[in-house]
PDB file of N, CA and C in Angstrom:
ATOM      1  N   MET A   1     -21.810 -46.018 -53.138  1.00  0.00           N
ATOM      2  CA  MET A   1     -20.328 -45.546 -52.715  1.00  0.00           C
ATOM      3  C   MET A   1     -20.221 -44.125 -53.450  1.00  0.00           C
ATOM      4  N   VAL A   2     -19.488 -43.112 -52.734  1.00  0.00           N
ATOM      5  CA  VAL A   2     -19.304 -41.862 -53.445  1.00  0.00           C
ATOM      6  C   VAL A   2     -17.685 -41.851 -53.302  1.00  0.00           C
ATOM      7  N   SER A   3     -17.152 -41.185 -54.248  1.00  0.00           N
ATOM      8  CA  SER A   3     -15.440 -40.815 -54.162  1.00  0.00           C
ATOM      9  C   SER A   3     -15.194 -39.518 -54.076  1.00  0.00           C
ATOM     10  N   VAL A   4     -14.604 -39.158 -53.031  1.00  0.00           N
ATOM     11  CA  VAL A   4     -14.168 -37.706 -52.527  1.00  0.00           C
ATOM     12  C   VAL A   4     -12.813 -37.562 -52.560  1.00  0.00           C
ATOM     13  N   ILE A   5     -12.464 -36.366 -52.353  1.00  0.00           N
ATOM     14  CA  ILE A   5     -11.044 -36.073 -52.048  1.00  0.00           C
ATOM     15  C   ILE A   5     -11.142 -34.814 -50.792  1.00  0.00           C
ATOM     16  N   VAL A   6     -10.294 -35.091 -49.969  1.00  0.00           N
ATOM     17  CA  VAL A   6     -10.281 -34.301 -48.743  1.00  0.00           C
ATOM     18  C   VAL A   6      -8.855 -33.499 -48.838  1.00  0.00           C
ATOM     19  N   ALA A   7      -8.843 -32.329 -48.953  1.00  0.00           N
ATOM     20  CA  ALA A   7      -7.648 -31.395 -49.018  1.00  0.00           C
ATOM     21  C   ALA A   7      -7.396 -30.659 -47.806  1.00  0.00           C
ATOM     22  N   TYR A   8      -6.023 -30.493 -47.405  1.00  0.00           N
ATOM     23  CA  TYR A   8      -5.685 -29.613 -46.198  1.00  0.00           C
ATOM     24  C   TYR A   8      -4.359 -28.982 -46.798  1.00  0.00           C
ATOM     25  N   SER A   9      -4.341 -27.584 -46.524  1.00  0.00           N
ATOM     26  CA  SER A   9      -3.191 -27.123 -46.760  1.00  0.00           C
ATOM     27  C   SER A   9      -2.426 -26.505 -45.481  1.00  0.00           C
ATOM     28  N   PRO A  10      -1.355 -27.154 -44.818  1.00  0.00           N
ATOM     29  CA  PRO A  10      -1.046 -26.660 -43.558  1.00  0.00           C
ATOM     30  C   PRO A  10      -0.112 -25.260 -43.604  1.00  0.00           C
ATOM     31  N   ALA A  11       0.480 -25.090 -44.972  1.00  0.00           N
ATOM     32  CA  ALA A  11       1.275 -23.978 -45.239  1.00  0.00           C
ATOM     33  C   ALA A  11       1.245 -23.518 -46.602  1.00  0.00           C
ATOM     34  N   PRO A  12       1.695 -22.165 -46.863  1.00  0.00           N
ATOM     35  CA  PRO A  12       1.598 -21.763 -48.352  1.00  0.00           C
ATOM     36  C   PRO A  12       2.272 -22.715 -49.246  1.00  0.00           C
ATOM     37  N   ARG A  13       1.763 -22.949 -50.351  1.00  0.00           N
ATOM     38  CA  ARG A  13       2.462 -23.953 -51.520  1.00  0.00           C
ATOM     39  C   ARG A  13       2.544 -25.380 -51.141  1.00  0.00           C
ATOM     40  N   GLU A  14       1.580 -25.735 -50.025  1.00  0.00           N
ATOM     41  CA  GLU A  14       1.881 -27.258 -49.654  1.00  0.00           C
ATOM     42  C   GLU A  14       0.545 -27.757 -49.305  1.00  0.00           C
ATOM     43  N   VAL A  15       0.021 -28.836 -50.158  1.00  0.00           N
ATOM     44  CA  VAL A  15      -1.379 -29.332 -50.168  1.00  0.00           C
ATOM     45  C   VAL A  15      -1.287 -30.842 -49.892  1.00  0.00           C
ATOM     46  N   HIS A  16      -2.030 -31.228 -49.160  1.00  0.00           N
ATOM     47  CA  HIS A  16      -2.211 -32.661 -48.855  1.00  0.00           C
ATOM     48  C   HIS A  16      -3.492 -33.049 -49.279  1.00  0.00           C
ATOM     49  N   GLU A  17      -3.588 -34.052 -50.073  1.00  0.00           N
ATOM     50  CA  GLU A  17      -5.033 -34.629 -50.547  1.00  0.00           C
ATOM     51  C   GLU A  17      -5.180 -35.942 -50.417  1.00  0.00           C
ATOM     52  N   VAL A  18      -6.287 -36.103 -49.993  1.00  0.00           N
ATOM     53  CA  VAL A  18      -6.465 -37.691 -49.587  1.00  0.00           C
ATOM     54  C   VAL A  18      -7.737 -38.261 -50.201  1.00  0.00           C
ATOM     55  N   ALA A  19      -7.603 -39.098 -51.308  1.00  0.00           N
ATOM     56  CA  ALA A  19      -8.703 -39.503 -51.893  1.00  0.00           C
ATOM     57  C   ALA A  19      -9.552 -40.828 -51.189  1.00  0.00           C
ATOM     58  N   LEU A  20     -10.676 -40.641 -51.032  1.00  0.00           N
ATOM     59  CA  LEU A  20     -11.380 -41.585 -50.311  1.00  0.00           C
ATOM     60  C   LEU A  20     -12.769 -42.058 -50.983  1.00  0.00           C
ATOM     61  N   THR A  21     -13.042 -43.547 -50.769  1.00  0.00           N
ATOM     62  CA  THR A  21     -14.429 -44.023 -51.142  1.00  0.00           C
ATOM     63  C   THR A  21     -15.237 -44.167 -50.074  1.00  0.00           C
ATOM     64  N   LEU A  22     -16.377 -43.502 -49.785  1.00  0.00           N
ATOM     65  CA  LEU A  22     -17.188 -43.548 -48.572  1.00  0.00           C
ATOM     66  C   LEU A  22     -18.481 -44.090 -49.081  1.00  0.00           C
ATOM     67  N   PRO A  23     -19.381 -44.664 -47.970  1.00  0.00           N
ATOM     68  CA  PRO A  23     -20.656 -45.087 -48.373  1.00  0.00           C
ATOM     69  C   PRO A  23     -21.580 -43.999 -48.724  1.00  0.00           C
ATOM     70  N   ASP A  24     -22.740 -44.394 -49.440  1.00  0.00           N
ATOM     71  CA  ASP A  24     -23.721 -43.130 -49.824  1.00  0.00           C
ATOM     72  C   ASP A  24     -24.204 -42.502 -48.412  1.00  0.00           C
ATOM     73  N   GLY A  25     -24.509 -41.368 -48.390  1.00  0.00           N
ATOM     74  CA  GLY A  25     -25.109 -40.556 -47.218  1.00  0.00           C
ATOM     75  C   GLY A  25     -24.199 -40.056 -46.228  1.00  0.00           C
ATOM     76  N   SER A  26     -22.799 -40.399 -46.766  1.00  0.00           N
ATOM     77  CA  SER A  26     -21.696 -39.807 -45.843  1.00  0.00           C
ATOM     78  C   SER A  26     -21.487 -38.311 -45.721  1.00  0.00           C
ATOM     79  N   THR A  27     -21.043 -37.736 -44.745  1.00  0.00           N
ATOM     80  CA  THR A  27     -21.141 -36.238 -44.407  1.00  0.00           C
ATOM     81  C   THR A  27     -19.732 -35.672 -44.459  1.00  0.00           C
ATOM     82  N   VAL A  28     -19.597 -34.519 -44.508  1.00  0.00           N
ATOM     83  CA  VAL A  28     -18.361 -33.826 -44.267  1.00  0.00           C
ATOM     84  C   VAL A  28     -17.574 -34.245 -43.143  1.00  0.00           C
ATOM     85  N   ARG A  29     -18.307 -34.435 -42.132  1.00  0.00           N
ATOM     86  CA  ARG A  29     -17.442 -34.905 -40.731  1.00  0.00           C
ATOM     87  C   ARG A  29     -16.857 -36.225 -41.111  1.00  0.00           C
ATOM     88  N   ASP A  30     -17.791 -37.133 -41.584  1.00  0.00           N
ATOM     89  CA  ASP A  30     -17.197 -38.430 -41.805  1.00  0.00           C
ATOM     90  C   ASP A  30     -15.896 -38.464 -42.769  1.00  0.00           C
ATOM     91  N   ALA A  31     -15.953 -37.772 -43.772  1.00  0.00           N
ATOM     92  CA  ALA A  31     -14.983 -37.708 -44.613  1.00  0.00           C
ATOM     93  C   ALA A  31     -13.634 -36.858 -44.033  1.00  0.00           C
ATOM     94  N   VAL A  32     -13.823 -36.054 -43.259  1.00  0.00           N
ATOM     95  CA  VAL A  32     -12.609 -35.572 -42.542  1.00  0.00           C
ATOM     96  C   VAL A  32     -12.244 -36.504 -41.607  1.00  0.00           C
ATOM     97  N   ALA A  33     -12.817 -37.267 -40.935  1.00  0.00           N
ATOM     98  CA  ALA A  33     -12.505 -38.219 -39.884  1.00  0.00           C
ATOM     99  C   ALA A  33     -11.784 -39.644 -40.670  1.00  0.00           C
ATOM    100  N   ALA A  34     -12.347 -39.947 -41.880  1.00  0.00           N
ATOM    101  CA  ALA A  34     -11.785 -40.983 -42.558  1.00  0.00           C
ATOM    102  C   ALA A  34     -10.442 -40.754 -43.035  1.00  0.00           C
ATOM    103  N   SER A  35     -10.311 -39.378 -43.609  1.00  0.00           N
ATOM    104  CA  SER A  35      -8.982 -39.039 -44.152  1.00  0.00           C
ATOM    105  C   SER A  35      -7.715 -39.272 -43.372  1.00  0.00           C
ATOM    106  N   GLY A  36      -7.700 -39.128 -42.179  1.00  0.00           N
ATOM    107  CA  GLY A  36      -6.731 -39.332 -41.217  1.00  0.00           C
ATOM    108  C   GLY A  36      -5.649 -38.178 -41.095  1.00  0.00           C
ATOM    109  N   LEU A  37      -6.412 -37.007 -41.521  1.00  0.00           N
ATOM    110  CA  LEU A  37      -5.472 -35.825 -41.601  1.00  0.00           C
ATOM    111  C   LEU A  37      -5.352 -35.328 -40.114  1.00  0.00           C
ATOM    112  N   ALA A  38      -6.302 -35.681 -39.481  1.00  0.00           N
ATOM    113  CA  ALA A  38      -6.351 -35.066 -37.828  1.00  0.00           C
ATOM    114  C   ALA A  38      -5.107 -35.923 -37.254  1.00  0.00           C
ATOM    115  N   ALA A  39      -5.127 -36.815 -37.492  1.00  0.00           N
ATOM    116  CA  ALA A  39      -3.824 -37.743 -36.796  1.00  0.00           C
ATOM    117  C   ALA A  39      -2.436 -37.195 -37.440  1.00  0.00           C
ATOM    118  N   ARG A  40      -2.293 -36.658 -38.610  1.00  0.00           N
ATOM    119  CA  ARG A  40      -1.067 -36.229 -39.214  1.00  0.00           C
ATOM    120  C   ARG A  40      -0.986 -34.781 -38.671  1.00  0.00           C
ATOM    121  N   PHE A  41      -1.735 -33.959 -38.723  1.00  0.00           N
ATOM    122  CA  PHE A  41      -1.722 -32.530 -38.184  1.00  0.00           C
ATOM    123  C   PHE A  41      -2.431 -32.282 -37.108  1.00  0.00           C
ATOM    124  N   PRO A  42      -1.822 -32.268 -35.927  1.00  0.00           N
ATOM    125  CA  PRO A  42      -2.516 -32.024 -34.580  1.00  0.00           C
ATOM    126  C   PRO A  42      -3.045 -30.479 -34.469  1.00  0.00           C
ATOM    127  N   ASP A  43      -2.738 -29.615 -35.168  1.00  0.00           N
ATOM    128  CA  ASP A  43      -3.342 -28.252 -35.421  1.00  0.00           C
ATOM    129  C   ASP A  43      -4.356 -28.157 -36.237  1.00  0.00           C
ATOM    130  N   LEU A  44      -4.838 -29.324 -36.913  1.00  0.00           N
ATOM    131  CA  LEU A  44      -6.130 -29.070 -37.809  1.00  0.00           C
ATOM    132  C   LEU A  44      -7.280 -28.127 -37.286  1.00  0.00           C
ATOM    133  N   PRO A  45      -7.826 -27.192 -38.035  1.00  0.00           N
ATOM    134  CA  PRO A  45      -8.705 -26.619 -37.469  1.00  0.00           C
ATOM    135  C   PRO A  45     -10.108 -27.347 -37.301  1.00  0.00           C
ATOM    136  N   ALA A  46     -10.729 -27.497 -36.248  1.00  0.00           N
ATOM    137  CA  ALA A  46     -12.005 -28.362 -36.139  1.00  0.00           C
ATOM    138  C   ALA A  46     -13.160 -27.570 -36.035  1.00  0.00           C
ATOM    139  N   ALA A  47     -13.231 -26.140 -36.262  1.00  0.00           N
ATOM    140  CA  ALA A  47     -14.208 -25.328 -36.323  1.00  0.00           C
ATOM    141  C   ALA A  47     -14.950 -25.389 -37.558  1.00  0.00           C
ATOM    142  N   ALA A  48     -16.670 -25.450 -37.339  1.00  0.00           N
ATOM    143  CA  ALA A  48     -17.476 -25.726 -38.625  1.00  0.00           C
ATOM    144  C   ALA A  48     -17.295 -24.752 -39.547  1.00  0.00           C
ATOM    145  N   GLY A  49     -16.698 -23.494 -39.308  1.00  0.00           N
ATOM    146  CA  GLY A  49     -16.696 -22.518 -40.309  1.00  0.00           C
ATOM    147  C   GLY A  49     -15.296 -22.758 -41.228  1.00  0.00           C
ATOM    148  N   CYS A  50     -14.412 -23.736 -40.776  1.00  0.00           N
ATOM    149  CA  CYS A  50     -13.239 -23.952 -41.535  1.00  0.00           C
ATOM    150  C   CYS A  50     -13.260 -25.014 -42.620  1.00  0.00           C
ATOM    151  N   VAL A  51     -14.462 -25.379 -42.999  1.00  0.00           N
ATOM    152  CA  VAL A  51     -14.575 -26.550 -43.817  1.00  0.00           C
ATOM    153  C   VAL A  51     -15.594 -26.344 -45.028  1.00  0.00           C
ATOM    154  N   GLY A  52     -15.053 -26.483 -46.212  1.00  0.00           N
ATOM    155  CA  GLY A  52     -16.026 -26.378 -47.325  1.00  0.00           C
ATOM    156  C   GLY A  52     -16.130 -27.209 -48.195  1.00  0.00           C
ATOM    157  N   VAL A  53     -16.819 -27.329 -49.281  1.00  0.00           N
ATOM    158  CA  VAL A  53     -17.089 -28.275 -50.356  1.00  0.00           C
ATOM    159  C   VAL A  53     -16.724 -27.511 -51.620  1.00  0.00           C
ATOM    160  N   TRP A  54     -15.757 -27.686 -52.460  1.00  0.00           N
ATOM    161  CA  TRP A  54     -15.394 -26.786 -53.647  1.00  0.00           C
ATOM    162  C   TRP A  54     -15.508 -25.476 -53.262  1.00  0.00           C
ATOM    163  N   GLY A  55     -14.887 -24.985 -52.177  1.00  0.00           N
ATOM    164  CA  GLY A  55     -14.510 -23.515 -52.041  1.00  0.00           C
ATOM    165  C   GLY A  55     -15.851 -22.719 -51.332  1.00  0.00           C
ATOM    166  N   ARG A  56     -16.838 -23.471 -51.127  1.00  0.00           N
ATOM    167  CA  ARG A  56     -17.951 -23.124 -50.299  1.00  0.00           C
ATOM    168  C   ARG A  56     -18.181 -23.678 -49.020  1.00  0.00           C
ATOM    169  N   ARG A  57     -18.445 -22.660 -48.048  1.00  0.00           N
ATOM    170  CA  ARG A  57     -18.640 -23.420 -46.812  1.00  0.00           C
ATOM    171  C   ARG A  57     -19.678 -24.159 -46.686  1.00  0.00           C
ATOM    172  N   ALA A  58     -19.421 -25.174 -45.961  1.00  0.00           N
ATOM    173  CA  ALA A  58     -20.397 -26.307 -45.804  1.00  0.00           C
ATOM    174  C   ALA A  58     -20.413 -26.859 -44.188  1.00  0.00           C
ATOM    175  N   ALA A  59     -21.465 -27.122 -43.631  1.00  0.00           N
ATOM    176  CA  ALA A  59     -21.804 -27.620 -42.301  1.00  0.00           C
ATOM    177  C   ALA A  59     -21.170 -29.013 -42.275  1.00  0.00           C
ATOM    178  N   PRO A  60     -20.869 -29.432 -40.967  1.00  0.00           N
ATOM    179  CA  PRO A  60     -20.464 -30.754 -40.838  1.00  0.00           C
ATOM    180  C   PRO A  60     -21.209 -31.881 -41.338  1.00  0.00           C
ATOM    181  N   ASP A  61     -22.595 -31.520 -41.034  1.00  0.00           N
ATOM    182  CA  ASP A  61     -23.592 -32.609 -41.406  1.00  0.00           C
ATOM    183  C   ASP A  61     -23.843 -32.680 -42.986  1.00  0.00           C
ATOM    184  N   HIS A  62     -23.288 -31.727 -43.722  1.00  0.00           N
ATOM    185  CA  HIS A  62     -23.666 -31.670 -45.428  1.00  0.00           C
ATOM    186  C   HIS A  62     -23.366 -33.175 -45.848  1.00  0.00           C
ATOM    187  N   VAL A  63     -24.353 -33.564 -46.593  1.00  0.00           N
ATOM    188  CA  VAL A  63     -24.121 -34.852 -47.204  1.00  0.00           C
ATOM    189  C   VAL A  63     -23.445 -34.817 -48.527  1.00  0.00           C
ATOM    190  N   LEU A  64     -22.456 -35.694 -48.985  1.00  0.00           N
ATOM    191  CA  LEU A  64     -21.542 -35.472 -49.709  1.00  0.00           C
ATOM    192  C   LEU A  64     -22.062 -36.096 -51.070  1.00  0.00           C
ATOM    193  N   ARG A  65     -21.712 -35.609 -52.106  1.00  0.00           N
ATOM    194  CA  ARG A  65     -22.030 -36.382 -53.369  1.00  0.00           C
ATOM    195  C   ARG A  65     -20.698 -36.707 -54.191  1.00  0.00           C
ATOM    196  N   GLU A  66     -20.858 -37.423 -55.213  1.00  0.00           N
ATOM    197  CA  GLU A  66     -19.857 -38.106 -56.036  1.00  0.00           C
ATOM    198  C   GLU A  66     -18.834 -37.016 -56.556  1.00  0.00           C
ATOM    199  N   ARG A  67     -17.577 -37.101 -56.423  1.00  0.00           N
ATOM    200  CA  ARG A  67     -16.520 -36.288 -56.747  1.00  0.00           C
ATOM    201  C   ARG A  67     -16.333 -34.950 -56.087  1.00  0.00           C
ATOM    202  N   ASP A  68     -16.791 -34.849 -54.945  1.00  0.00           N
ATOM    203  CA  ASP A  68     -16.832 -33.754 -54.130  1.00  0.00           C
ATOM    204  C   ASP A  68     -15.488 -33.456 -53.587  1.00  0.00           C
ATOM    205  N   ARG A  69     -14.930 -32.109 -53.474  1.00  0.00           N
ATOM    206  CA  ARG A  69     -13.668 -31.998 -52.700  1.00  0.00           C
ATOM    207  C   ARG A  69     -13.770 -31.255 -51.495  1.00  0.00           C
ATOM    208  N   VAL A  70     -13.626 -31.816 -50.402  1.00  0.00           N
ATOM    209  CA  VAL A  70     -13.809 -31.456 -49.052  1.00  0.00           C
ATOM    210  C   VAL A  70     -12.385 -30.545 -48.807  1.00  0.00           C
ATOM    211  N   GLU A  71     -12.629 -29.377 -48.363  1.00  0.00           N
ATOM    212  CA  GLU A  71     -11.434 -28.523 -48.308  1.00  0.00           C
ATOM    213  C   GLU A  71     -11.369 -27.971 -46.872  1.00  0.00           C
ATOM    214  N   ILE A  72     -10.143 -28.219 -46.133  1.00  0.00           N
ATOM    215  CA  ILE A  72     -10.165 -27.781 -44.754  1.00  0.00           C
ATOM    216  C   ILE A  72      -9.193 -26.595 -44.687  1.00  0.00           C
ATOM    217  N   TRP A  73      -9.824 -25.431 -44.346  1.00  0.00           N
ATOM    218  CA  TRP A  73      -9.201 -24.042 -44.326  1.00  0.00           C
ATOM    219  C   TRP A  73      -8.211 -23.800 -43.242  1.00  0.00           C
ATOM    220  N   ARG A  74      -7.405 -23.121 -43.230  1.00  0.00           N
ATOM    221  CA  ARG A  74      -6.442 -22.494 -42.041  1.00  0.00           C
ATOM    222  C   ARG A  74      -7.259 -21.172 -41.778  1.00  0.00           C
ATOM    223  N   PRO A  75      -7.090 -20.977 -40.606  1.00  0.00           N
ATOM    224  CA  PRO A  75      -7.519 -19.425 -40.073  1.00  0.00           C
ATOM    225  C   PRO A  75      -6.724 -18.460 -40.777  1.00  0.00           C
ATOM    226  N   LEU A  76      -7.368 -17.263 -40.942  1.00  0.00           N
ATOM    227  CA  LEU A  76      -6.537 -16.249 -41.549  1.00  0.00           C
ATOM    228  C   LEU A  76      -5.657 -15.616 -40.447  1.00  0.00           C
ATOM    229  N   ARG A  77      -4.440 -15.193 -40.805  1.00  0.00           N
ATOM    230  CA  ARG A  77      -3.449 -14.491 -39.879  1.00  0.00           C
ATOM    231  C   ARG A  77      -3.629 -13.178 -39.876  1.00  0.00           C
ATOM    232  N   VAL A  78      -4.063 -12.444 -41.164  1.00  0.00           N
ATOM    233  CA  VAL A  78      -4.145 -10.963 -41.249  1.00  0.00           C
ATOM    234  C   VAL A  78      -5.564 -10.912 -41.759  1.00  0.00           C
ATOM    235  N   ASP A  79      -6.353  -9.685 -41.254  1.00  0.00           N
ATOM    236  CA  ASP A  79      -7.575  -9.358 -42.012  1.00  0.00           C
ATOM    237  C   ASP A  79      -7.258  -8.861 -43.428  1.00  0.00           C
ATOM    238  N   PRO A  80      -7.874  -9.383 -44.618  1.00  0.00           N
ATOM    239  CA  PRO A  80      -7.517  -8.919 -45.847  1.00  0.00           C
ATOM    240  C   PRO A  80      -7.559  -7.476 -46.066  1.00  0.00           C
ATOM    241  N   LYS A  81      -8.612  -6.917 -45.383  1.00  0.00           N
ATOM    242  CA  LYS A  81      -8.783  -5.384 -45.690  1.00  0.00           C
ATOM    243  C   LYS A  81      -7.773  -4.707 -45.157  1.00  0.00           C
ATOM    244  N   LEU A  82      -7.033  -5.142 -43.674  1.00  0.00           N
ATOM    245  CA  LEU A  82      -5.926  -4.320 -43.244  1.00  0.00           C
ATOM    246  C   LEU A  82      -4.773  -4.472 -44.053  1.00  0.00           C
ATOM    247  N   ALA A  83      -4.584  -5.646 -44.641  1.00  0.00           N
ATOM    248  CA  ALA A  83      -3.248  -6.110 -45.412  1.00  0.00           C
ATOM    249  C   ALA A  83      -3.446  -5.115 -46.720  1.00  0.00           C
ATOM    250  N   ARG A  84      -4.601  -4.940 -47.252  1.00  0.00           N
ATOM    251  CA  ARG A  84      -4.625  -3.883 -48.367  1.00  0.00           C
ATOM    252  C   ARG A  84      -4.362  -2.481 -47.983  1.00  0.00           C
ATOM    253  N   ARG A  85      -4.891  -2.060 -46.977  1.00  0.00           N
ATOM    254  CA  ARG A  85      -4.517  -0.682 -46.326  1.00  0.00           C
ATOM    255  C   ARG A  85      -2.988  -0.507 -46.475  1.00  0.00           C
ATOM    256  N   GLU A  86      -2.352  -1.614 -45.635  1.00  0.00           N
ATOM    257  CA  GLU A  86      -1.101  -1.577 -45.367  1.00  0.00           C
ATOM    258  C   GLU A  86      -0.160  -1.500 -46.704  1.00  0.00           C
ATOM    259  N   ARG A  87      -0.537  -2.379 -47.638  1.00  0.00           N
ATOM    260  CA  ARG A  87       0.105  -2.345 -48.876  1.00  0.00           C
ATOM    261  C   ARG A  87       0.114  -1.072 -49.664  1.00  0.00           C
ATOM    262  N   PHE A  88      -1.264  -0.400 -49.560  1.00  0.00           N
ATOM    263  CA  PHE A  88      -1.425   0.714 -50.280  1.00  0.00           C
ATOM    264  C   PHE A  88      -0.497   2.028 -49.853  1.00  0.00           C
ATOM    265  N   GLY A  89      -0.514   1.848 -48.310  1.00  0.00           N
ATOM    266  CA  GLY A  89       0.027   2.778 -47.620  1.00  0.00           C
ATOM    267  C   GLY A  89       1.786   2.672 -47.927  1.00  0.00           C
ATOM    268  N   GLN A  90       2.189   1.775 -48.228  1.00  0.00           N
ATOM    269  CA  GLN A  90       3.494   1.488 -48.545  1.00  0.00           C
ATOM    270  C   GLN A  90       3.951   1.952 -49.897  1.00  0.00           C
ATOM    271  N   GLN A  91       3.039   1.861 -50.850  1.00  0.00           N
ATOM    272  CA  GLN A  91       3.206   1.996 -52.385  1.00  0.00           C
ATOM    273  C   GLN A  91       3.067   3.614 -52.420  1.00  0.00           C
ATOM    274  N   GLY A  92       2.137   4.144 -51.735  1.00  0.00           N
ATOM    275  CA  GLY A  92       1.794   5.544 -52.037  1.00  0.00           C
ATOM    276  C   GLY A  92       0.683   5.800 -53.015  1.00  0.00           C
ATOM    277  N   THR A  93       0.212   6.949 -52.934  1.00  0.00           N
ATOM    278  CA  THR A  93      -1.021   7.051 -53.968  1.00  0.00           C
ATOM    279  C   THR A  93      -0.746   7.205 -55.480  1.00  0.00           C
ATOM    280  N   ARG A  94       0.675   7.585 -55.735  1.00  0.00           N
ATOM    281  CA  ARG A  94       0.939   7.804 -57.237  1.00  0.00           C
ATOM    282  C   ARG A  94       1.147   6.338 -57.667  1.00  0.00           C
ATOM    283  N   ALA A  95       1.656   5.454 -57.099  1.00  0.00           N
ATOM    284  CA  ALA A  95       2.156   4.218 -57.729  1.00  0.00           C
ATOM    285  C   ALA A  95       0.846   3.248 -57.497  1.00  0.00           C
ATOM    286  N   ALA A  96      -0.166   3.644 -57.071  1.00  0.00           N
ATOM    287  CA  ALA A  96      -1.342   2.581 -56.926  1.00  0.00           C
ATOM    288  C   ALA A  96      -2.701   3.303 -57.567  1.00  0.00           C
ATOM    289  N   GLY A  97      -3.591   2.480 -57.726  1.00  0.00           N
ATOM    290  CA  GLY A  97      -4.758   2.761 -58.209  1.00  0.00           C
ATOM    291  C   GLY A  97      -5.058   2.685 -59.628  1.00  0.00           C
ATOM    292  N   LEU A  98      -6.244   3.085 -60.248  1.00  0.00           N
ATOM    293  CA  LEU A  98      -6.783   2.916 -61.596  1.00  0.00           C
ATOM    294  C   LEU A  98      -5.828   3.769 -62.404  1.00  0.00           C
ATOM    295  N   PHE A  99      -5.367   5.124 -62.062  1.00  0.00           N
ATOM    296  CA  PHE A  99      -4.813   5.918 -63.166  1.00  0.00           C
ATOM    297  C   PHE A  99      -3.115   5.927 -62.572  1.00  0.00           C
ATOM    298  N   ALA A 100      -2.747   4.886 -62.252  1.00  0.00           N
ATOM    299  CA  ALA A 100      -1.209   4.734 -62.028  1.00  0.00           C
ATOM    300  C   ALA A 100      -0.428   4.838 -62.925  1.00  0.00           C
ATOM    301  N   LYS A 101      -0.858   4.032 -64.147  1.00  0.00           N
ATOM    302  CA  LYS A 101       0.145   4.114 -65.336  1.00  0.00           C
ATOM    303  C   LYS A 101      -0.671   4.936 -66.327  1.00  0.00           C
ATOM    304  N   ARG A 102      -0.205   6.047 -66.683  1.00  0.00           N
ATOM    305  CA  ARG A 102      -0.710   6.972 -67.597  1.00  0.00           C
ATOM    306  C   ARG A 102       0.041   7.115 -68.911  1.00  0.00           C
ATOM    307  N   ARG A 103      -0.582   7.188 -70.045  1.00  0.00           N
ATOM    308  CA  ARG A 103       0.266   7.405 -71.229  1.00  0.00           C
ATOM    309  C   ARG A 103       1.026   8.714 -71.167  1.00  0.00           C
ATOM    310  N   PRO A 104       2.252   8.611 -71.805  1.00  0.00           N
ATOM    311  CA  PRO A 104       2.930   9.915 -71.849  1.00  0.00           C
ATOM    312  C   PRO A 104       2.187  11.113 -72.740  1.00  0.00           C
ATOM    313  N   GLY A 105       2.038  12.200 -72.080  1.00  0.00           N
ATOM    314  CA  GLY A 105       1.194  13.240 -72.639  1.00  0.00           C
ATOM    315  C   GLY A 105      -0.234  13.260 -72.739  1.00  0.00           C
ATOM    316  N   ALA A 106      -0.895  12.138 -71.943  1.00  0.00           N
ATOM    317  CA  ALA A 106      -2.265  11.864 -71.878  1.00  0.00           C
ATOM    318  C   ALA A 106      -2.697  13.033 -70.897  1.00  0.00           C
ATOM    319  N   LYS A 107      -4.116  13.297 -70.951  1.00  0.00           N
ATOM    320  CA  LYS A 107      -4.965  14.233 -70.117  1.00  0.00           C
ATOM    321  C   LYS A 107      -4.871  13.554 -68.641  1.00  0.00           C
ATOM    322  N   PRO A 108      -5.046  14.336 -67.744  1.00  0.00           N
ATOM    323  CA  PRO A 108      -5.059  13.805 -66.403  1.00  0.00           C
ATOM    324  C   PRO A 108      -6.489  12.818 -66.194  1.00  0.00           C
ATOM    325  N   GLY A 109      -6.196  11.647 -65.558  1.00  0.00           N
ATOM    326  CA  GLY A 109      -7.481  10.910 -65.345  1.00  0.00           C
ATOM    327  C   GLY A 109      -7.518   9.982 -66.641  1.00  0.00           C
ATOM    328  N   TYR A 110      -6.683   9.943 -67.601  1.00  0.00           N
ATOM    329  CA  TYR A 110      -6.904   8.940 -68.709  1.00  0.00           C
ATOM    330  C   TYR A 110      -5.502   8.147 -68.708  1.00  0.00           C
TER     331      TYR A 110
END
């Protein structure tokens, strides 16, 4: 028997965890099905790329080990690169970047 935790976050700062004890040789697919999270959250992402073990993407047929944490991820709403570009545009070039906070009287670039 292996003890695993299945975690899903339907919204920011809201995490639902289910502790399970499964037979040896159980897969990620088995853990997600046994957790019952699909019944509680009908919009649960079922795509293979939305599941991982300890923060690393895992295939549904990945065999679980003792004390693994299976994570079900939500799809991204905004591309991270696009969000960063928009934040930079709002801040302006003087308030962002490596040389934004200079010491008074310092040379340019320091």
